[in-house]
Amino acid sequence: MGADPILAIKVASTNAARYFRLNNRGAIALGYLADFVIIDSFEEFTVEQVYKKGKLMYSGGKLKDFRAPTVDEFLTERAHSTFKVDRLKPEAFKIDRPRGVLGMVPGELMTTDEGYATGINTDEDILKIAVVERHNYTGHIGIGYIKGYGLKSGAVATSISHDSHNIIVVGTNDEDMAAAVNHIAENGGGITVFDGGKCIGDVKLGIAGLMSDDPLIDVNRNLEDAKVRAFELGVSKLIDPFMTLSFMSLPVIPKLRLTTRGVFDVESQSYV
């Protein structure tokens, strides 16, 4: 892109280390940890060797054996037990008054204000959406409607919902919404697609409901399969079924978002 390679590397190494006060990293000098790489050229930037604390760890395409870091058992248990939410019944998603409608915009995280709705209407692409608090047994559930997601049957839920990472679910009926939320809580986190009371797509994220300790290949396979299932249920091909949904609860991006207390207008800083 035309940048000076030396300056680019400096920005990514020594400048970053200085900013975060990692005072023994970011350079090759006396008193610094000898963490560095050998590359073939600035044009290709292929890493040929990796040194960690002065020891050669990678060379010729092969990584040397090393002892995996240990994690305290208490922290491991805490990281895998982060869901504090009671089992929900479909009645938890009942609505007795009109609620705001979040309008999804293809290719963007912004939403539009689509007024109010009084119920699910798949013909008009009006779906129910909810955010379930899952950290402290508060029982708080924010409920609204969403337009532009495209789902025609079932429900989609994920425990990746920025920034508080509660459980966010969108669905065509309360039964599948409740089943999807309960399934995620029982799994200790994840992404799931439900239809007719059955789980047809599933990604388990047992570490804080955000990450997995399963092999990357398995996680990616399950994720792609879940996407296919979501698209089969009608989710718009113009959005990512899970990534886009995860941002609908981030109350800092205009126009409307959904929190555990209801539909929030970011611009006016008020609930609608």
C-alpha atoms as a PDB file:
ATOM      1  CA  MET A   1       0.000   0.000   0.000  1.00  0.00           C
ATOM      2  CA  GLY A   2       3.056   2.228  -0.222  1.00  0.00           C
ATOM      3  CA  ALA A   3       3.983   2.380   3.458  1.00  0.00           C
ATOM      4  CA  ASP A   4       7.610   2.265   4.572  1.00  0.00           C
ATOM      5  CA  PRO A   5       8.012  -1.374   5.781  1.00  0.00           C
ATOM      6  CA  ILE A   6      10.353  -0.391   8.610  1.00  0.00           C
ATOM      7  CA  LEU A   7       7.841   2.163   9.891  1.00  0.00           C
ATOM      8  CA  ALA A   8       4.964  -0.332   9.576  1.00  0.00           C
ATOM      9  CA  ILE A   9       6.845  -2.946  11.612  1.00  0.00           C
ATOM     10  CA  LYS A  10       7.812  -0.345  14.209  1.00  0.00           C
ATOM     11  CA  VAL A  11       4.183   0.711  14.614  1.00  0.00           C
ATOM     12  CA  ALA A  12       3.143  -2.930  15.164  1.00  0.00           C
ATOM     13  CA  SER A  13       5.986  -3.770  17.555  1.00  0.00           C
ATOM     14  CA  THR A  14       7.943  -1.204  19.536  1.00  0.00           C
ATOM     15  CA  ASN A  15       5.336   1.581  19.384  1.00  0.00           C
ATOM     16  CA  ALA A  16       2.560  -0.753  20.541  1.00  0.00           C
ATOM     17  CA  ALA A  17       4.750  -2.150  23.326  1.00  0.00           C
ATOM     18  CA  ARG A  18       5.618   1.352  24.554  1.00  0.00           C
ATOM     19  CA  TYR A  19       1.976   2.424  24.536  1.00  0.00           C
ATOM     20  CA  PHE A  20       0.901  -0.548  26.663  1.00  0.00           C
ATOM     21  CA  ARG A  21       4.002  -0.240  28.887  1.00  0.00           C
ATOM     22  CA  LEU A  22       5.332  -3.668  27.942  1.00  0.00           C
ATOM     23  CA  ASN A  23       8.769  -2.370  28.681  1.00  0.00           C
ATOM     24  CA  ASN A  24      10.721  -5.549  27.965  1.00  0.00           C
ATOM     25  CA  ARG A  25       9.111  -6.224  24.586  1.00  0.00           C
ATOM     26  CA  GLY A  26       8.930  -4.680  21.150  1.00  0.00           C
ATOM     27  CA  ALA A  27      12.610  -4.394  20.266  1.00  0.00           C
ATOM     28  CA  ILE A  28      15.836  -6.373  20.014  1.00  0.00           C
ATOM     29  CA  ALA A  29      18.084  -4.827  22.654  1.00  0.00           C
ATOM     30  CA  LEU A  30      19.740  -5.440  26.029  1.00  0.00           C
ATOM     31  CA  GLY A  31      17.194  -6.161  28.741  1.00  0.00           C
ATOM     32  CA  TYR A  32      14.457  -7.154  26.294  1.00  0.00           C
ATOM     33  CA  LEU A  33      12.892 -10.571  25.842  1.00  0.00           C
ATOM     34  CA  ALA A  34      14.381 -12.112  22.721  1.00  0.00           C
ATOM     35  CA  ASP A  35      11.051 -12.568  20.933  1.00  0.00           C
ATOM     36  CA  PHE A  36      11.523 -12.030  17.201  1.00  0.00           C
ATOM     37  CA  VAL A  37      10.981 -13.507  13.747  1.00  0.00           C
ATOM     38  CA  ILE A  38      13.131 -13.925  10.661  1.00  0.00           C
ATOM     39  CA  ILE A  39      11.359 -13.119   7.376  1.00  0.00           C
ATOM     40  CA  ASP A  40      12.379 -13.721   3.779  1.00  0.00           C
ATOM     41  CA  SER A  41      11.658 -10.224   2.420  1.00  0.00           C
ATOM     42  CA  PHE A  42       9.556  -7.125   3.022  1.00  0.00           C
ATOM     43  CA  GLU A  43       7.600  -7.877  -0.152  1.00  0.00           C
ATOM     44  CA  GLU A  44       6.496 -11.421   0.732  1.00  0.00           C
ATOM     45  CA  PHE A  45       6.909 -11.235   4.539  1.00  0.00           C
ATOM     46  CA  THR A  46       7.042 -15.017   4.862  1.00  0.00           C
ATOM     47  CA  VAL A  47       8.082 -15.998   8.383  1.00  0.00           C
ATOM     48  CA  GLU A  48      11.021 -18.415   8.179  1.00  0.00           C
ATOM     49  CA  GLN A  49      11.984 -18.645  11.857  1.00  0.00           C
ATOM     50  CA  VAL A  50      10.431 -17.716  15.197  1.00  0.00           C
ATOM     51  CA  TYR A  51      12.427 -17.163  18.393  1.00  0.00           C
ATOM     52  CA  LYS A  52      10.761 -17.085  21.824  1.00  0.00           C
ATOM     53  CA  LYS A  53      12.879 -15.847  24.729  1.00  0.00           C
ATOM     54  CA  GLY A  54      15.939 -16.540  22.634  1.00  0.00           C
ATOM     55  CA  LYS A  55      15.013 -20.115  21.761  1.00  0.00           C
ATOM     56  CA  LEU A  56      14.309 -21.219  18.207  1.00  0.00           C
ATOM     57  CA  MET A  57      10.695 -22.488  18.199  1.00  0.00           C
ATOM     58  CA  TYR A  58       9.817 -22.579  14.506  1.00  0.00           C
ATOM     59  CA  SER A  59      11.987 -23.270  11.490  1.00  0.00           C
ATOM     60  CA  GLY A  60      11.626 -24.951   8.130  1.00  0.00           C
ATOM     61  CA  GLY A  61       7.856 -25.140   8.431  1.00  0.00           C
ATOM     62  CA  LYS A  62       7.999 -27.115  11.686  1.00  0.00           C
ATOM     63  CA  LEU A  63       7.025 -26.038  15.200  1.00  0.00           C
ATOM     64  CA  LYS A  64       9.030 -27.438  18.090  1.00  0.00           C
ATOM     65  CA  ASP A  65       7.265 -29.085  21.018  1.00  0.00           C
ATOM     66  CA  PHE A  66       6.480 -26.867  23.979  1.00  0.00           C
ATOM     67  CA  ARG A  67       4.590 -27.201  27.223  1.00  0.00           C
ATOM     68  CA  ALA A  68       1.096 -25.761  27.013  1.00  0.00           C
ATOM     69  CA  PRO A  69       0.394 -23.111  29.652  1.00  0.00           C
ATOM     70  CA  THR A  70      -1.682 -24.263  32.605  1.00  0.00           C
ATOM     71  CA  VAL A  71      -4.846 -22.542  33.758  1.00  0.00           C
ATOM     72  CA  ASP A  72      -5.979 -22.442  37.359  1.00  0.00           C
ATOM     73  CA  GLU A  73      -8.833 -24.914  37.972  1.00  0.00           C
ATOM     74  CA  PHE A  74     -10.890 -22.206  39.668  1.00  0.00           C
ATOM     75  CA  LEU A  75     -10.628 -19.962  36.606  1.00  0.00           C
ATOM     76  CA  THR A  76     -11.452 -22.846  34.296  1.00  0.00           C
ATOM     77  CA  GLU A  77     -14.618 -23.603  36.254  1.00  0.00           C
ATOM     78  CA  ARG A  78     -15.623 -19.928  36.349  1.00  0.00           C
ATOM     79  CA  ALA A  79     -15.088 -19.531  32.620  1.00  0.00           C
ATOM     80  CA  HIS A  80     -17.329 -22.505  31.868  1.00  0.00           C
ATOM     81  CA  SER A  81     -20.123 -21.586  34.306  1.00  0.00           C
ATOM     82  CA  THR A  82     -21.315 -18.136  33.295  1.00  0.00           C
ATOM     83  CA  PHE A  83     -25.027 -18.673  32.681  1.00  0.00           C
ATOM     84  CA  LYS A  84     -27.272 -17.622  35.545  1.00  0.00           C
ATOM     85  CA  VAL A  85     -30.710 -17.663  33.961  1.00  0.00           C
ATOM     86  CA  ASP A  86     -33.841 -19.604  34.876  1.00  0.00           C
ATOM     87  CA  ARG A  87     -35.399 -21.972  32.365  1.00  0.00           C
ATOM     88  CA  LEU A  88     -37.883 -20.021  30.270  1.00  0.00           C
ATOM     89  CA  LYS A  89     -41.382 -20.892  29.120  1.00  0.00           C
ATOM     90  CA  PRO A  90     -42.911 -19.518  25.915  1.00  0.00           C
ATOM     91  CA  GLU A  91     -45.055 -17.196  28.053  1.00  0.00           C
ATOM     92  CA  ALA A  92     -41.906 -15.227  28.898  1.00  0.00           C
ATOM     93  CA  PHE A  93     -42.028 -13.712  25.412  1.00  0.00           C
ATOM     94  CA  LYS A  94     -45.680 -12.660  25.441  1.00  0.00           C
ATOM     95  CA  ILE A  95     -46.314  -9.002  24.592  1.00  0.00           C
ATOM     96  CA  ASP A  96     -49.333  -6.999  25.724  1.00  0.00           C
ATOM     97  CA  ARG A  97     -48.650  -3.728  23.912  1.00  0.00           C
ATOM     98  CA  PRO A  98     -47.067  -2.411  20.690  1.00  0.00           C
ATOM     99  CA  ARG A  99     -43.266  -2.507  20.589  1.00  0.00           C
ATOM    100  CA  GLY A 100     -40.688  -0.719  18.443  1.00  0.00           C
ATOM    101  CA  VAL A 101     -39.441  -2.288  15.208  1.00  0.00           C
ATOM    102  CA  LEU A 102     -35.710  -2.380  14.427  1.00  0.00           C
ATOM    103  CA  GLY A 103     -35.140  -2.101  10.690  1.00  0.00           C
ATOM    104  CA  MET A 104     -32.064  -4.022   9.534  1.00  0.00           C
ATOM    105  CA  VAL A 105     -29.953  -2.508   6.764  1.00  0.00           C
ATOM    106  CA  PRO A 106     -28.170  -5.038   4.471  1.00  0.00           C
ATOM    107  CA  GLY A 107     -24.393  -4.730   4.710  1.00  0.00           C
ATOM    108  CA  GLU A 108     -24.511  -2.302   7.640  1.00  0.00           C
ATOM    109  CA  LEU A 109     -24.806  -2.324  11.418  1.00  0.00           C
ATOM    110  CA  MET A 110     -27.013   0.760  11.421  1.00  0.00           C
ATOM    111  CA  THR A 111     -30.750   0.218  11.880  1.00  0.00           C
ATOM    112  CA  THR A 112     -33.799   2.259  10.980  1.00  0.00           C
ATOM    113  CA  ASP A 113     -36.879   3.090  12.994  1.00  0.00           C
ATOM    114  CA  GLU A 114     -39.728   1.126  11.424  1.00  0.00           C
ATOM    115  CA  GLY A 115     -42.370   2.331  13.845  1.00  0.00           C
ATOM    116  CA  TYR A 116     -44.350  -0.087  16.006  1.00  0.00           C
ATOM    117  CA  ALA A 117     -45.784  -3.591  15.653  1.00  0.00           C
ATOM    118  CA  THR A 118     -48.325  -5.550  17.644  1.00  0.00           C
ATOM    119  CA  GLY A 119     -47.389  -9.054  16.558  1.00  0.00           C
ATOM    120  CA  ILE A 120     -45.307 -11.335  14.334  1.00  0.00           C
ATOM    121  CA  ASN A 121     -46.077 -11.159  10.620  1.00  0.00           C
ATOM    122  CA  THR A 122     -43.725 -13.280   8.486  1.00  0.00           C
ATOM    123  CA  ASP A 123     -45.417 -12.065   5.285  1.00  0.00           C
ATOM    124  CA  GLU A 124     -44.307  -8.538   6.166  1.00  0.00           C
ATOM    125  CA  ASP A 125     -40.999  -9.782   7.616  1.00  0.00           C
ATOM    126  CA  ILE A 126     -41.915  -8.623  11.121  1.00  0.00           C
ATOM    127  CA  LEU A 127     -40.309 -10.959  13.668  1.00  0.00           C
ATOM    128  CA  LYS A 128     -40.075 -10.942  17.432  1.00  0.00           C
ATOM    129  CA  ILE A 129     -36.681 -10.279  18.990  1.00  0.00           C
ATOM    130  CA  ALA A 130     -35.645 -10.559  22.634  1.00  0.00           C
ATOM    131  CA  VAL A 131     -32.575 -10.076  24.807  1.00  0.00           C
ATOM    132  CA  VAL A 132     -32.433 -12.308  27.897  1.00  0.00           C
ATOM    133  CA  GLU A 133     -30.189 -11.257  30.799  1.00  0.00           C
ATOM    134  CA  ARG A 134     -28.007 -14.232  31.707  1.00  0.00           C
ATOM    135  CA  HIS A 135     -25.369 -13.050  34.190  1.00  0.00           C
ATOM    136  CA  ASN A 136     -27.224 -12.453  37.481  1.00  0.00           C
ATOM    137  CA  TYR A 137     -30.619 -14.196  37.533  1.00  0.00           C
ATOM    138  CA  THR A 138     -32.391 -10.829  37.163  1.00  0.00           C
ATOM    139  CA  GLY A 139     -35.118 -12.244  34.932  1.00  0.00           C
ATOM    140  CA  HIS A 140     -34.927  -9.152  32.743  1.00  0.00           C
ATOM    141  CA  ILE A 141     -36.079  -9.757  29.160  1.00  0.00           C
ATOM    142  CA  GLY A 142     -36.219  -6.952  26.625  1.00  0.00           C
ATOM    143  CA  ILE A 143     -38.671  -7.620  23.797  1.00  0.00           C
ATOM    144  CA  GLY A 144     -39.285  -5.880  20.497  1.00  0.00           C
ATOM    145  CA  TYR A 145     -39.703  -6.538  16.801  1.00  0.00           C
ATOM    146  CA  ILE A 146     -37.282  -6.618  13.898  1.00  0.00           C
ATOM    147  CA  LYS A 147     -37.680  -6.206  10.157  1.00  0.00           C
ATOM    148  CA  GLY A 148     -35.245  -7.347   7.470  1.00  0.00           C
ATOM    149  CA  TYR A 149     -34.021 -10.587   9.031  1.00  0.00           C
ATOM    150  CA  GLY A 150     -36.175 -12.727   6.763  1.00  0.00           C
ATOM    151  CA  LEU A 151     -36.826 -15.760   8.990  1.00  0.00           C
ATOM    152  CA  LYS A 152     -39.952 -17.673   7.925  1.00  0.00           C
ATOM    153  CA  SER A 153     -39.976 -20.429  10.533  1.00  0.00           C
ATOM    154  CA  GLY A 154     -38.355 -21.277  13.856  1.00  0.00           C
ATOM    155  CA  ALA A 155     -35.874 -19.190  15.832  1.00  0.00           C
ATOM    156  CA  VAL A 156     -32.196 -18.231  15.907  1.00  0.00           C
ATOM    157  CA  ALA A 157     -30.323 -17.402  19.118  1.00  0.00           C
ATOM    158  CA  THR A 158     -26.765 -16.614  20.199  1.00  0.00           C
ATOM    159  CA  SER A 159     -24.928 -15.737  23.403  1.00  0.00           C
ATOM    160  CA  ILE A 160     -22.639 -13.480  21.389  1.00  0.00           C
ATOM    161  CA  SER A 161     -24.533 -10.204  21.703  1.00  0.00           C
ATOM    162  CA  HIS A 162     -22.408  -7.111  22.046  1.00  0.00           C
ATOM    163  CA  ASP A 163     -21.436  -5.679  24.396  1.00  0.00           C
ATOM    164  CA  SER A 164     -22.987  -7.318  27.457  1.00  0.00           C
ATOM    165  CA  HIS A 165     -23.259 -10.731  25.763  1.00  0.00           C
ATOM    166  CA  ASN A 166     -26.641 -11.722  27.042  1.00  0.00           C
ATOM    167  CA  ILE A 167     -28.711 -14.168  24.980  1.00  0.00           C
ATOM    168  CA  ILE A 168     -30.302 -12.581  21.926  1.00  0.00           C
ATOM    169  CA  VAL A 169     -32.990 -14.468  20.037  1.00  0.00           C
ATOM    170  CA  VAL A 170     -35.178 -13.764  17.024  1.00  0.00           C
ATOM    171  CA  GLY A 171     -38.085 -15.959  16.042  1.00  0.00           C
ATOM    172  CA  THR A 172     -41.401 -16.578  14.389  1.00  0.00           C
ATOM    173  CA  ASN A 173     -43.006 -18.083  17.500  1.00  0.00           C
ATOM    174  CA  ASP A 174     -42.554 -18.004  21.270  1.00  0.00           C
ATOM    175  CA  GLU A 175     -42.130 -21.775  21.605  1.00  0.00           C
ATOM    176  CA  ASP A 176     -39.026 -21.997  19.427  1.00  0.00           C
ATOM    177  CA  MET A 177     -37.621 -18.817  20.956  1.00  0.00           C
ATOM    178  CA  ALA A 178     -37.870 -20.267  24.458  1.00  0.00           C
ATOM    179  CA  ALA A 179     -36.442 -23.609  23.344  1.00  0.00           C
ATOM    180  CA  ALA A 180     -33.474 -21.901  21.656  1.00  0.00           C
ATOM    181  CA  VAL A 181     -32.672 -19.765  24.705  1.00  0.00           C
ATOM    182  CA  ASN A 182     -32.923 -22.743  27.072  1.00  0.00           C
ATOM    183  CA  HIS A 183     -30.686 -24.803  24.790  1.00  0.00           C
ATOM    184  CA  ILE A 184     -27.971 -22.152  24.804  1.00  0.00           C
ATOM    185  CA  ALA A 185     -28.133 -21.845  28.600  1.00  0.00           C
ATOM    186  CA  GLU A 186     -27.887 -25.617  29.018  1.00  0.00           C
ATOM    187  CA  ASN A 187     -24.864 -25.733  26.697  1.00  0.00           C
ATOM    188  CA  GLY A 188     -23.131 -22.934  28.580  1.00  0.00           C
ATOM    189  CA  GLY A 189     -23.287 -20.696  25.513  1.00  0.00           C
ATOM    190  CA  GLY A 190     -23.311 -20.848  21.773  1.00  0.00           C
ATOM    191  CA  ILE A 191     -25.276 -20.290  18.588  1.00  0.00           C
ATOM    192  CA  THR A 192     -28.348 -22.311  17.763  1.00  0.00           C
ATOM    193  CA  VAL A 193     -31.078 -22.655  15.159  1.00  0.00           C
ATOM    194  CA  PHE A 194     -34.420 -24.171  16.195  1.00  0.00           C
ATOM    195  CA  ASP A 195     -37.443 -25.168  14.169  1.00  0.00           C
ATOM    196  CA  GLY A 196     -40.520 -27.033  15.321  1.00  0.00           C
ATOM    197  CA  GLY A 197     -39.045 -27.500  18.777  1.00  0.00           C
ATOM    198  CA  LYS A 198     -35.938 -29.222  17.419  1.00  0.00           C
ATOM    199  CA  CYS A 199     -32.336 -28.023  17.263  1.00  0.00           C
ATOM    200  CA  ILE A 200     -31.218 -28.117  13.624  1.00  0.00           C
ATOM    201  CA  GLY A 201     -28.038 -26.043  13.909  1.00  0.00           C
ATOM    202  CA  ASP A 202     -25.695 -25.809  16.875  1.00  0.00           C
ATOM    203  CA  VAL A 203     -22.344 -24.247  17.790  1.00  0.00           C
ATOM    204  CA  LYS A 204     -21.265 -24.771  21.399  1.00  0.00           C
ATOM    205  CA  LEU A 205     -19.285 -21.922  22.954  1.00  0.00           C
ATOM    206  CA  GLY A 206     -18.554 -23.194  26.439  1.00  0.00           C
ATOM    207  CA  ILE A 207     -15.982 -20.586  27.440  1.00  0.00           C
ATOM    208  CA  ALA A 208     -17.976 -17.633  28.797  1.00  0.00           C
ATOM    209  CA  GLY A 209     -20.529 -18.255  26.065  1.00  0.00           C
ATOM    210  CA  LEU A 210     -18.154 -16.630  23.607  1.00  0.00           C
ATOM    211  CA  MET A 211     -15.382 -19.079  22.761  1.00  0.00           C
ATOM    212  CA  SER A 212     -14.835 -22.782  22.281  1.00  0.00           C
ATOM    213  CA  ASP A 213     -12.074 -25.149  23.322  1.00  0.00           C
ATOM    214  CA  ASP A 214     -13.034 -27.564  20.540  1.00  0.00           C
ATOM    215  CA  PRO A 215     -10.775 -27.894  17.473  1.00  0.00           C
ATOM    216  CA  LEU A 216     -11.068 -25.025  14.982  1.00  0.00           C
ATOM    217  CA  ILE A 217     -12.088 -27.375  12.169  1.00  0.00           C
ATOM    218  CA  ASP A 218     -15.033 -28.696  14.193  1.00  0.00           C
ATOM    219  CA  VAL A 219     -16.193 -25.251  15.280  1.00  0.00           C
ATOM    220  CA  ASN A 220     -16.010 -23.898  11.739  1.00  0.00           C
ATOM    221  CA  ARG A 221     -17.907 -26.888  10.345  1.00  0.00           C
ATOM    222  CA  ASN A 222     -20.681 -26.478  12.897  1.00  0.00           C
ATOM    223  CA  LEU A 223     -20.826 -22.726  12.282  1.00  0.00           C
ATOM    224  CA  GLU A 224     -21.140 -23.081   8.518  1.00  0.00           C
ATOM    225  CA  ASP A 225     -23.761 -25.801   8.929  1.00  0.00           C
ATOM    226  CA  ALA A 226     -25.767 -23.576  11.276  1.00  0.00           C
ATOM    227  CA  LYS A 227     -25.620 -20.758   8.718  1.00  0.00           C
ATOM    228  CA  VAL A 228     -26.985 -23.070   6.041  1.00  0.00           C
ATOM    229  CA  ARG A 229     -29.838 -24.089   8.341  1.00  0.00           C
ATOM    230  CA  ALA A 230     -30.642 -20.465   9.114  1.00  0.00           C
ATOM    231  CA  PHE A 231     -30.722 -19.575   5.418  1.00  0.00           C
ATOM    232  CA  GLU A 232     -32.963 -22.574   4.762  1.00  0.00           C
ATOM    233  CA  LEU A 233     -35.440 -21.115   7.249  1.00  0.00           C
ATOM    234  CA  GLY A 234     -35.548 -17.914   5.228  1.00  0.00           C
ATOM    235  CA  VAL A 235     -32.885 -15.669   6.749  1.00  0.00           C
ATOM    236  CA  SER A 236     -31.888 -13.034   4.201  1.00  0.00           C
ATOM    237  CA  LYS A 237     -28.754 -13.877   2.189  1.00  0.00           C
ATOM    238  CA  LEU A 238     -27.840 -10.174   2.442  1.00  0.00           C
ATOM    239  CA  ILE A 239     -26.873 -10.537   6.119  1.00  0.00           C
ATOM    240  CA  ASP A 240     -24.846 -12.867   8.308  1.00  0.00           C
ATOM    241  CA  PRO A 241     -27.443 -14.754  10.392  1.00  0.00           C
ATOM    242  CA  PHE A 242     -25.394 -14.573  13.584  1.00  0.00           C
ATOM    243  CA  MET A 243     -22.898 -11.739  13.277  1.00  0.00           C
ATOM    244  CA  THR A 244     -25.543  -9.205  12.289  1.00  0.00           C
ATOM    245  CA  LEU A 245     -27.899 -10.415  15.011  1.00  0.00           C
ATOM    246  CA  SER A 246     -25.184 -10.086  17.653  1.00  0.00           C
ATOM    247  CA  PHE A 247     -24.992  -6.320  17.098  1.00  0.00           C
ATOM    248  CA  MET A 248     -28.725  -5.667  17.495  1.00  0.00           C
ATOM    249  CA  SER A 249     -28.192  -5.389  21.269  1.00  0.00           C
ATOM    250  CA  LEU A 250     -25.319  -2.867  21.155  1.00  0.00           C
ATOM    251  CA  PRO A 251     -26.981   0.375  22.326  1.00  0.00           C
ATOM    252  CA  VAL A 252     -24.436   2.799  20.866  1.00  0.00           C
ATOM    253  CA  ILE A 253     -25.139   2.399  17.129  1.00  0.00           C
ATOM    254  CA  PRO A 254     -28.125   4.347  15.713  1.00  0.00           C
ATOM    255  CA  LYS A 255     -30.953   4.104  15.285  1.00  0.00           C
ATOM    256  CA  LEU A 256     -32.755   1.493  17.393  1.00  0.00           C
ATOM    257  CA  ARG A 257     -31.272  -1.296  19.534  1.00  0.00           C
ATOM    258  CA  LEU A 258     -32.664  -3.805  21.991  1.00  0.00           C
ATOM    259  CA  THR A 259     -31.463  -4.070  25.588  1.00  0.00           C
ATOM    260  CA  THR A 260     -32.703  -6.230  28.464  1.00  0.00           C
ATOM    261  CA  ARG A 261     -35.101  -3.382  29.289  1.00  0.00           C
ATOM    262  CA  GLY A 262     -36.604  -2.887  25.840  1.00  0.00           C
ATOM    263  CA  VAL A 263     -36.177  -1.097  22.509  1.00  0.00           C
ATOM    264  CA  PHE A 264     -33.763   1.832  22.846  1.00  0.00           C
ATOM    265  CA  ASP A 265     -33.452   4.894  20.618  1.00  0.00           C
ATOM    266  CA  VAL A 266     -29.723   5.646  20.533  1.00  0.00           C
ATOM    267  CA  GLU A 267     -30.118   9.155  19.132  1.00  0.00           C
ATOM    268  CA  SER A 268     -32.646  10.370  21.673  1.00  0.00           C
ATOM    269  CA  GLN A 269     -31.188   8.189  24.470  1.00  0.00           C
ATOM    270  CA  SER A 270     -34.636   6.972  25.435  1.00  0.00           C
ATOM    271  CA  TYR A 271     -36.729   3.806  25.373  1.00  0.00           C
ATOM    272  CA  VAL A 272     -39.524   3.570  22.824  1.00  0.00           C
END
